[in-house]
Amino acid sequence: MIPPPKRVAKPRPKPPEPTPALTASLEAPSLVLAPAPLVHEASGESRTRARIEITSTELFAGNREIQIRHAGEIYILRRTSKGKLILTK
């Protein structure tokens, strides 16, 4: 009798990076970053930078919290079970 062939474990494929197409079915609030207008002291002119919009789904990339480094400090941004955002130092 011939023994059955041995099974060789195949490496697991790397999961795809989260994209809007993959996460379109998830409902998450959108985060809009809108910097204040910049004022040039010498001329008194003001100009506004382009507004950047990113969904919280893209920002969190499947995690419930992220760390944000700002001015040498670490802040934690958490997503609650009710879809709210909490920022703590």
PDB file of N, CA and C in Angstrom:
ATOM      1  N   MET A   1       0.834  -1.175   0.000  1.00  0.00           N
ATOM      2  CA  MET A   1       0.000   0.000   0.000  1.00  0.00           C
ATOM      3  C   MET A   1       0.889   1.251   0.000  1.00  0.00           C
ATOM      4  N   ILE A   2       0.480   2.230  -0.787  1.00  0.00           N
ATOM      5  CA  ILE A   2       1.245   3.469  -0.926  1.00  0.00           C
ATOM      6  C   ILE A   2       0.760   4.464   0.136  1.00  0.00           C
ATOM      7  N   PRO A   3       1.703   5.049   0.903  1.00  0.00           N
ATOM      8  CA  PRO A   3       1.274   6.023   1.918  1.00  0.00           C
ATOM      9  C   PRO A   3       0.763   7.300   1.246  1.00  0.00           C
ATOM     10  N   PRO A   4      -0.182   7.991   1.892  1.00  0.00           N
ATOM     11  CA  PRO A   4      -0.698   9.236   1.304  1.00  0.00           C
ATOM     12  C   PRO A   4       0.405  10.294   1.274  1.00  0.00           C
ATOM     13  N   PRO A   5       0.338  11.204   0.315  1.00  0.00           N
ATOM     14  CA  PRO A   5       1.371  12.246   0.231  1.00  0.00           C
ATOM     15  C   PRO A   5       1.321  13.154   1.463  1.00  0.00           C
ATOM     16  N   LYS A   6       2.490  13.622   1.867  1.00  0.00           N
ATOM     17  CA  LYS A   6       2.570  14.525   3.014  1.00  0.00           C
ATOM     18  C   LYS A   6       2.096  15.918   2.602  1.00  0.00           C
ATOM     19  N   ARG A   7       1.409  16.549   3.522  1.00  0.00           N
ATOM     20  CA  ARG A   7       0.949  17.914   3.264  1.00  0.00           C
ATOM     21  C   ARG A   7       2.056  18.889   3.635  1.00  0.00           C
ATOM     22  N   VAL A   8       2.285  19.805   2.748  1.00  0.00           N
ATOM     23  CA  VAL A   8       3.286  20.837   2.986  1.00  0.00           C
ATOM     24  C   VAL A   8       2.544  22.141   3.262  1.00  0.00           C
ATOM     25  N   ALA A   9       2.863  22.748   4.395  1.00  0.00           N
ATOM     26  CA  ALA A   9       2.200  24.010   4.756  1.00  0.00           C
ATOM     27  C   ALA A   9       2.660  25.121   3.824  1.00  0.00           C
ATOM     28  N   LYS A  10       1.699  25.764   3.218  1.00  0.00           N
ATOM     29  CA  LYS A  10       2.007  26.893   2.343  1.00  0.00           C
ATOM     30  C   LYS A  10       1.967  28.168   3.175  1.00  0.00           C
ATOM     31  N   PRO A  11       2.862  29.112   2.878  1.00  0.00           N
ATOM     32  CA  PRO A  11       2.799  30.374   3.622  1.00  0.00           C
ATOM     33  C   PRO A  11       1.492  31.097   3.323  1.00  0.00           C
ATOM     34  N   ARG A  12       0.937  31.711   4.363  1.00  0.00           N
ATOM     35  CA  ARG A  12      -0.317  32.443   4.175  1.00  0.00           C
ATOM     36  C   ARG A  12      -0.072  33.688   3.341  1.00  0.00           C
ATOM     37  N   PRO A  13      -0.982  33.980   2.434  1.00  0.00           N
ATOM     38  CA  PRO A  13      -0.819  35.219   1.659  1.00  0.00           C
ATOM     39  C   PRO A  13      -1.026  36.422   2.575  1.00  0.00           C
ATOM     40  N   LYS A  14      -0.328  37.482   2.272  1.00  0.00           N
ATOM     41  CA  LYS A  14      -0.434  38.717   3.042  1.00  0.00           C
ATOM     42  C   LYS A  14      -1.804  39.337   2.775  1.00  0.00           C
ATOM     43  N   PRO A  15      -2.521  39.752   3.843  1.00  0.00           N
ATOM     44  CA  PRO A  15      -3.834  40.356   3.600  1.00  0.00           C
ATOM     45  C   PRO A  15      -3.690  41.676   2.852  1.00  0.00           C
ATOM     46  N   PRO A  16      -4.672  42.004   2.031  1.00  0.00           N
ATOM     47  CA  PRO A  16      -4.583  43.253   1.267  1.00  0.00           C
ATOM     48  C   PRO A  16      -4.657  44.461   2.192  1.00  0.00           C
ATOM     49  N   GLU A  17      -4.025  45.538   1.771  1.00  0.00           N
ATOM     50  CA  GLU A  17      -4.083  46.792   2.520  1.00  0.00           C
ATOM     51  C   GLU A  17      -5.513  47.329   2.446  1.00  0.00           C
ATOM     52  N   PRO A  18      -6.006  47.918   3.537  1.00  0.00           N
ATOM     53  CA  PRO A  18      -7.354  48.487   3.485  1.00  0.00           C
ATOM     54  C   PRO A  18      -7.437  49.604   2.451  1.00  0.00           C
ATOM     55  N   THR A  19      -8.455  49.537   1.645  1.00  0.00           N
ATOM     56  CA  THR A  19      -8.691  50.566   0.639  1.00  0.00           C
ATOM     57  C   THR A  19     -10.156  50.979   0.722  1.00  0.00           C
ATOM     58  N   PRO A  20     -10.498  52.104   0.147  1.00  0.00           N
ATOM     59  CA  PRO A  20     -11.908  52.495   0.161  1.00  0.00           C
ATOM     60  C   PRO A  20     -12.816  51.422  -0.434  1.00  0.00           C
ATOM     61  N   ALA A  21     -12.335  50.700  -1.444  1.00  0.00           N
ATOM     62  CA  ALA A  21     -13.160  49.661  -2.059  1.00  0.00           C
ATOM     63  C   ALA A  21     -13.424  48.521  -1.083  1.00  0.00           C
ATOM     64  N   LEU A  22     -12.405  48.151  -0.290  1.00  0.00           N
ATOM     65  CA  LEU A  22     -12.572  47.065   0.676  1.00  0.00           C
ATOM     66  C   LEU A  22     -13.422  47.484   1.863  1.00  0.00           C
ATOM     67  N   THR A  23     -13.380  48.739   2.211  1.00  0.00           N
ATOM     68  CA  THR A  23     -14.077  49.199   3.408  1.00  0.00           C
ATOM     69  C   THR A  23     -15.341  49.990   3.102  1.00  0.00           C
ATOM     70  N   ALA A  24     -15.773  49.970   1.860  1.00  0.00           N
ATOM     71  CA  ALA A  24     -16.944  50.762   1.472  1.00  0.00           C
ATOM     72  C   ALA A  24     -18.189  50.324   2.222  1.00  0.00           C
ATOM     73  N   SER A  25     -18.253  49.042   2.609  1.00  0.00           N
ATOM     74  CA  SER A  25     -19.446  48.566   3.295  1.00  0.00           C
ATOM     75  C   SER A  25     -19.487  48.999   4.755  1.00  0.00           C
ATOM     76  N   LEU A  26     -18.359  49.434   5.305  1.00  0.00           N
ATOM     77  CA  LEU A  26     -18.326  49.887   6.692  1.00  0.00           C
ATOM     78  C   LEU A  26     -18.767  51.339   6.759  1.00  0.00           C
ATOM     79  N   GLU A  27     -19.622  51.631   7.703  1.00  0.00           N
ATOM     80  CA  GLU A  27     -20.045  53.016   7.875  1.00  0.00           C
ATOM     81  C   GLU A  27     -19.233  53.613   9.002  1.00  0.00           C
ATOM     82  N   ALA A  28     -18.447  54.620   8.681  1.00  0.00           N
ATOM     83  CA  ALA A  28     -17.637  55.303   9.685  1.00  0.00           C
ATOM     84  C   ALA A  28     -17.688  56.792   9.405  1.00  0.00           C
ATOM     85  N   PRO A  29     -17.652  57.585  10.467  1.00  0.00           N
ATOM     86  CA  PRO A  29     -17.677  59.032  10.232  1.00  0.00           C
ATOM     87  C   PRO A  29     -16.441  59.500   9.493  1.00  0.00           C
ATOM     88  N   SER A  30     -16.597  60.543   8.728  1.00  0.00           N
ATOM     89  CA  SER A  30     -15.492  61.098   7.959  1.00  0.00           C
ATOM     90  C   SER A  30     -14.773  62.156   8.786  1.00  0.00           C
ATOM     91  N   LEU A  31     -13.473  62.204   8.646  1.00  0.00           N
ATOM     92  CA  LEU A  31     -12.665  63.196   9.346  1.00  0.00           C
ATOM     93  C   LEU A  31     -12.157  64.189   8.317  1.00  0.00           C
ATOM     94  N   VAL A  32     -12.444  65.453   8.519  1.00  0.00           N
ATOM     95  CA  VAL A  32     -11.993  66.493   7.601  1.00  0.00           C
ATOM     96  C   VAL A  32     -10.984  67.362   8.339  1.00  0.00           C
ATOM     97  N   LEU A  33      -9.795  67.447   7.782  1.00  0.00           N
ATOM     98  CA  LEU A  33      -8.757  68.287   8.362  1.00  0.00           C
ATOM     99  C   LEU A  33      -8.730  69.590   7.581  1.00  0.00           C
ATOM    100  N   ALA A  34      -9.015  70.682   8.231  1.00  0.00           N
ATOM    101  CA  ALA A  34      -9.057  71.974   7.555  1.00  0.00           C
ATOM    102  C   ALA A  34      -8.184  72.966   8.309  1.00  0.00           C
ATOM    103  N   PRO A  35      -6.944  73.154   7.861  1.00  0.00           N
ATOM    104  CA  PRO A  35      -6.073  74.088   8.562  1.00  0.00           C
ATOM    105  C   PRO A  35      -6.590  75.520   8.468  1.00  0.00           C
ATOM    106  N   ALA A  36      -6.271  76.297   9.481  1.00  0.00           N
ATOM    107  CA  ALA A  36      -6.663  77.704   9.490  1.00  0.00           C
ATOM    108  C   ALA A  36      -5.891  78.449   8.409  1.00  0.00           C
ATOM    109  N   PRO A  37      -6.442  79.551   7.928  1.00  0.00           N
ATOM    110  CA  PRO A  37      -5.718  80.333   6.923  1.00  0.00           C
ATOM    111  C   PRO A  37      -4.370  80.799   7.470  1.00  0.00           C
ATOM    112  N   LEU A  38      -3.384  80.831   6.609  1.00  0.00           N
ATOM    113  CA  LEU A  38      -2.063  81.317   6.981  1.00  0.00           C
ATOM    114  C   LEU A  38      -2.016  82.816   6.729  1.00  0.00           C
ATOM    115  N   VAL A  39      -1.502  83.565   7.666  1.00  0.00           N
ATOM    116  CA  VAL A  39      -1.382  85.013   7.504  1.00  0.00           C
ATOM    117  C   VAL A  39       0.092  85.353   7.407  1.00  0.00           C
ATOM    118  N   HIS A  40       0.457  86.050   6.347  1.00  0.00           N
ATOM    119  CA  HIS A  40       1.827  86.505   6.164  1.00  0.00           C
ATOM    120  C   HIS A  40       1.961  87.850   6.868  1.00  0.00           C
ATOM    121  N   GLU A  41       2.771  87.870   7.919  1.00  0.00           N
ATOM    122  CA  GLU A  41       2.887  89.086   8.719  1.00  0.00           C
ATOM    123  C   GLU A  41       3.402  90.269   7.910  1.00  0.00           C
ATOM    124  N   ALA A  42       4.345  90.027   7.019  1.00  0.00           N
ATOM    125  CA  ALA A  42       4.943  91.136   6.270  1.00  0.00           C
ATOM    126  C   ALA A  42       3.926  91.803   5.350  1.00  0.00           C
ATOM    127  N   SER A  43       3.122  91.020   4.665  1.00  0.00           N
ATOM    128  CA  SER A  43       2.214  91.598   3.677  1.00  0.00           C
ATOM    129  C   SER A  43       0.779  91.710   4.175  1.00  0.00           C
ATOM    130  N   GLY A  44       0.436  90.999   5.258  1.00  0.00           N
ATOM    131  CA  GLY A  44      -0.935  91.016   5.744  1.00  0.00           C
ATOM    132  C   GLY A  44      -1.861  90.135   4.923  1.00  0.00           C
ATOM    133  N   GLU A  45      -1.325  89.460   3.901  1.00  0.00           N
ATOM    134  CA  GLU A  45      -2.135  88.576   3.054  1.00  0.00           C
ATOM    135  C   GLU A  45      -2.481  87.304   3.819  1.00  0.00           C
ATOM    136  N   SER A  46      -3.563  86.717   3.433  1.00  0.00           N
ATOM    137  CA  SER A  46      -3.858  85.388   3.970  1.00  0.00           C
ATOM    138  C   SER A  46      -4.124  84.455   2.805  1.00  0.00           C
ATOM    139  N   ARG A  47      -3.737  83.229   2.983  1.00  0.00           N
ATOM    140  CA  ARG A  47      -4.023  82.207   1.972  1.00  0.00           C
ATOM    141  C   ARG A  47      -4.403  80.938   2.715  1.00  0.00           C
ATOM    142  N   THR A  48      -5.244  80.159   2.120  1.00  0.00           N
ATOM    143  CA  THR A  48      -5.709  78.931   2.749  1.00  0.00           C
ATOM    144  C   THR A  48      -5.101  77.746   2.024  1.00  0.00           C
ATOM    145  N   ARG A  49      -4.588  76.818   2.802  1.00  0.00           N
ATOM    146  CA  ARG A  49      -4.059  75.587   2.210  1.00  0.00           C
ATOM    147  C   ARG A  49      -5.218  74.729   1.735  1.00  0.00           C
ATOM    148  N   ALA A  50      -4.906  73.807   0.831  1.00  0.00           N
ATOM    149  CA  ALA A  50      -5.932  72.892   0.329  1.00  0.00           C
ATOM    150  C   ALA A  50      -6.451  72.040   1.481  1.00  0.00           C
ATOM    151  N   ARG A  51      -7.720  71.786   1.505  1.00  0.00           N
ATOM    152  CA  ARG A  51      -8.347  70.979   2.546  1.00  0.00           C
ATOM    153  C   ARG A  51      -8.086  69.502   2.254  1.00  0.00           C
ATOM    154  N   ILE A  52      -7.686  68.778   3.277  1.00  0.00           N
ATOM    155  CA  ILE A  52      -7.415  67.346   3.150  1.00  0.00           C
ATOM    156  C   ILE A  52      -8.563  66.597   3.803  1.00  0.00           C
ATOM    157  N   GLU A  53      -9.148  65.626   3.091  1.00  0.00           N
ATOM    158  CA  GLU A  53     -10.225  64.825   3.666  1.00  0.00           C
ATOM    159  C   GLU A  53      -9.824  63.363   3.632  1.00  0.00           C
ATOM    160  N   ILE A  54      -9.987  62.692   4.762  1.00  0.00           N
ATOM    161  CA  ILE A  54      -9.688  61.267   4.864  1.00  0.00           C
ATOM    162  C   ILE A  54     -10.767  60.645   5.742  1.00  0.00           C
ATOM    163  N   THR A  55     -11.255  59.483   5.368  1.00  0.00           N
ATOM    164  CA  THR A  55     -12.271  58.835   6.192  1.00  0.00           C
ATOM    165  C   THR A  55     -11.608  58.230   7.419  1.00  0.00           C
ATOM    166  N   SER A  56     -12.377  58.094   8.482  1.00  0.00           N
ATOM    167  CA  SER A  56     -11.819  57.477   9.682  1.00  0.00           C
ATOM    168  C   SER A  56     -11.461  56.020   9.413  1.00  0.00           C
ATOM    169  N   THR A  57     -12.150  55.378   8.496  1.00  0.00           N
ATOM    170  CA  THR A  57     -11.821  53.998   8.135  1.00  0.00           C
ATOM    171  C   THR A  57     -10.416  53.934   7.559  1.00  0.00           C
ATOM    172  N   GLU A  58     -10.081  54.875   6.681  1.00  0.00           N
ATOM    173  CA  GLU A  58      -8.728  54.920   6.124  1.00  0.00           C
ATOM    174  C   GLU A  58      -7.710  55.274   7.201  1.00  0.00           C
ATOM    175  N   LEU A  59      -8.063  56.204   8.057  1.00  0.00           N
ATOM    176  CA  LEU A  59      -7.150  56.656   9.105  1.00  0.00           C
ATOM    177  C   LEU A  59      -6.847  55.542  10.105  1.00  0.00           C
ATOM    178  N   PHE A  60      -7.872  54.826  10.547  1.00  0.00           N
ATOM    179  CA  PHE A  60      -7.677  53.774  11.540  1.00  0.00           C
ATOM    180  C   PHE A  60      -7.177  52.466  10.932  1.00  0.00           C
ATOM    181  N   ALA A  61      -7.397  52.234   9.650  1.00  0.00           N
ATOM    182  CA  ALA A  61      -6.920  51.034   8.940  1.00  0.00           C
ATOM    183  C   ALA A  61      -7.209  49.753   9.721  1.00  0.00           C
ATOM    184  N   GLY A  62      -8.443  49.619  10.215  1.00  0.00           N
ATOM    185  CA  GLY A  62      -8.843  48.400  10.906  1.00  0.00           C
ATOM    186  C   GLY A  62      -8.543  48.374  12.396  1.00  0.00           C
ATOM    187  N   ASN A  63      -7.882  49.386  12.915  1.00  0.00           N
ATOM    188  CA  ASN A  63      -7.561  49.445  14.344  1.00  0.00           C
ATOM    189  C   ASN A  63      -8.611  50.263  15.089  1.00  0.00           C
ATOM    190  N   ARG A  64      -8.712  50.044  16.400  1.00  0.00           N
ATOM    191  CA  ARG A  64      -9.655  50.815  17.222  1.00  0.00           C
ATOM    192  C   ARG A  64      -9.028  52.103  17.740  1.00  0.00           C
ATOM    193  N   GLU A  65      -7.689  52.168  17.742  1.00  0.00           N
ATOM    194  CA  GLU A  65      -7.027  53.392  18.178  1.00  0.00           C
ATOM    195  C   GLU A  65      -5.734  53.589  17.412  1.00  0.00           C
ATOM    196  N   ILE A  66      -5.322  54.846  17.322  1.00  0.00           N
ATOM    197  CA  ILE A  66      -4.059  55.180  16.666  1.00  0.00           C
ATOM    198  C   ILE A  66      -3.320  56.189  17.538  1.00  0.00           C
ATOM    199  N   GLN A  67      -2.007  56.242  17.363  1.00  0.00           N
ATOM    200  CA  GLN A  67      -1.193  57.223  18.073  1.00  0.00           C
ATOM    201  C   GLN A  67      -0.846  58.344  17.107  1.00  0.00           C
ATOM    202  N   ILE A  68      -0.936  59.565  17.597  1.00  0.00           N
ATOM    203  CA  ILE A  68      -0.605  60.737  16.796  1.00  0.00           C
ATOM    204  C   ILE A  68       0.495  61.498  17.526  1.00  0.00           C
ATOM    205  N   ARG A  69       1.611  61.727  16.855  1.00  0.00           N
ATOM    206  CA  ARG A  69       2.693  62.517  17.447  1.00  0.00           C
ATOM    207  C   ARG A  69       2.513  63.963  16.981  1.00  0.00           C
ATOM    208  N   HIS A  70       2.434  64.867  17.957  1.00  0.00           N
ATOM    209  CA  HIS A  70       2.258  66.291  17.655  1.00  0.00           C
ATOM    210  C   HIS A  70       3.102  67.097  18.631  1.00  0.00           C
ATOM    211  N   ALA A  71       3.986  67.921  18.100  1.00  0.00           N
ATOM    212  CA  ALA A  71       4.842  68.802  18.904  1.00  0.00           C
ATOM    213  C   ALA A  71       5.581  68.026  19.993  1.00  0.00           C
ATOM    214  N   GLY A  72       6.071  66.837  19.637  1.00  0.00           N
ATOM    215  CA  GLY A  72       6.841  66.033  20.575  1.00  0.00           C
ATOM    216  C   GLY A  72       6.010  65.256  21.580  1.00  0.00           C
ATOM    217  N   GLU A  73       4.700  65.349  21.512  1.00  0.00           N
ATOM    218  CA  GLU A  73       3.805  64.638  22.429  1.00  0.00           C
ATOM    219  C   GLU A  73       3.054  63.551  21.668  1.00  0.00           C
ATOM    220  N   ILE A  74       2.650  62.502  22.383  1.00  0.00           N
ATOM    221  CA  ILE A  74       1.859  61.421  21.791  1.00  0.00           C
ATOM    222  C   ILE A  74       0.409  61.577  22.249  1.00  0.00           C
ATOM    223  N   TYR A  75      -0.498  61.559  21.304  1.00  0.00           N
ATOM    224  CA  TYR A  75      -1.929  61.597  21.578  1.00  0.00           C
ATOM    225  C   TYR A  75      -2.530  60.288  21.080  1.00  0.00           C
ATOM    226  N   ILE A  76      -3.585  59.826  21.738  1.00  0.00           N
ATOM    227  CA  ILE A  76      -4.281  58.606  21.344  1.00  0.00           C
ATOM    228  C   ILE A  76      -5.654  59.008  20.807  1.00  0.00           C
ATOM    229  N   LEU A  77      -5.955  58.574  19.586  1.00  0.00           N
ATOM    230  CA  LEU A  77      -7.273  58.790  19.000  1.00  0.00           C
ATOM    231  C   LEU A  77      -7.977  57.444  18.985  1.00  0.00           C
ATOM    232  N   ARG A  78      -9.108  57.361  19.703  1.00  0.00           N
ATOM    233  CA  ARG A  78      -9.861  56.111  19.818  1.00  0.00           C
ATOM    234  C   ARG A  78     -11.211  56.246  19.129  1.00  0.00           C
ATOM    235  N   ARG A  79     -11.660  55.112  18.576  1.00  0.00           N
ATOM    236  CA  ARG A  79     -12.997  55.039  17.981  1.00  0.00           C
ATOM    237  C   ARG A  79     -13.856  54.229  18.946  1.00  0.00           C
ATOM    238  N   THR A  80     -14.959  54.787  19.401  1.00  0.00           N
ATOM    239  CA  THR A  80     -15.825  54.082  20.347  1.00  0.00           C
ATOM    240  C   THR A  80     -16.732  53.106  19.608  1.00  0.00           C
ATOM    241  N   SER A  81     -17.392  52.255  20.383  1.00  0.00           N
ATOM    242  CA  SER A  81     -18.315  51.281  19.779  1.00  0.00           C
ATOM    243  C   SER A  81     -19.526  51.972  19.155  1.00  0.00           C
ATOM    244  N   LYS A  82     -19.798  53.214  19.559  1.00  0.00           N
ATOM    245  CA  LYS A  82     -20.919  53.969  18.988  1.00  0.00           C
ATOM    246  C   LYS A  82     -20.493  54.864  17.834  1.00  0.00           C
ATOM    247  N   GLY A  83     -19.225  54.739  17.394  1.00  0.00           N
ATOM    248  CA  GLY A  83     -18.759  55.498  16.241  1.00  0.00           C
ATOM    249  C   GLY A  83     -18.247  56.890  16.548  1.00  0.00           C
ATOM    250  N   LYS A  84     -18.079  57.219  17.818  1.00  0.00           N
ATOM    251  CA  LYS A  84     -17.550  58.531  18.200  1.00  0.00           C
ATOM    252  C   LYS A  84     -16.029  58.460  18.267  1.00  0.00           C
ATOM    253  N   LEU A  85     -15.378  59.628  18.196  1.00  0.00           N
ATOM    254  CA  LEU A  85     -13.923  59.705  18.297  1.00  0.00           C
ATOM    255  C   LEU A  85     -13.550  60.405  19.594  1.00  0.00           C
ATOM    256  N   ILE A  86     -12.540  59.857  20.286  1.00  0.00           N
ATOM    257  CA  ILE A  86     -12.044  60.442  21.530  1.00  0.00           C
ATOM    258  C   ILE A  86     -10.544  60.634  21.390  1.00  0.00           C
ATOM    259  N   LEU A  87     -10.082  61.866  21.603  1.00  0.00           N
ATOM    260  CA  LEU A  87      -8.656  62.185  21.548  1.00  0.00           C
ATOM    261  C   LEU A  87      -8.179  62.465  22.964  1.00  0.00           C
ATOM    262  N   THR A  88      -7.148  61.715  23.406  1.00  0.00           N
ATOM    263  CA  THR A  88      -6.580  61.920  24.739  1.00  0.00           C
ATOM    264  C   THR A  88      -5.080  62.068  24.628  1.00  0.00           C
ATOM    265  N   LYS A  89      -4.504  62.708  25.641  1.00  0.00           N
ATOM    266  CA  LYS A  89      -3.056  62.910  25.672  1.00  0.00           C
ATOM    267  C   LYS A  89      -2.418  61.788  26.459  1.00  0.00           C
TER     268      LYS A  89
END
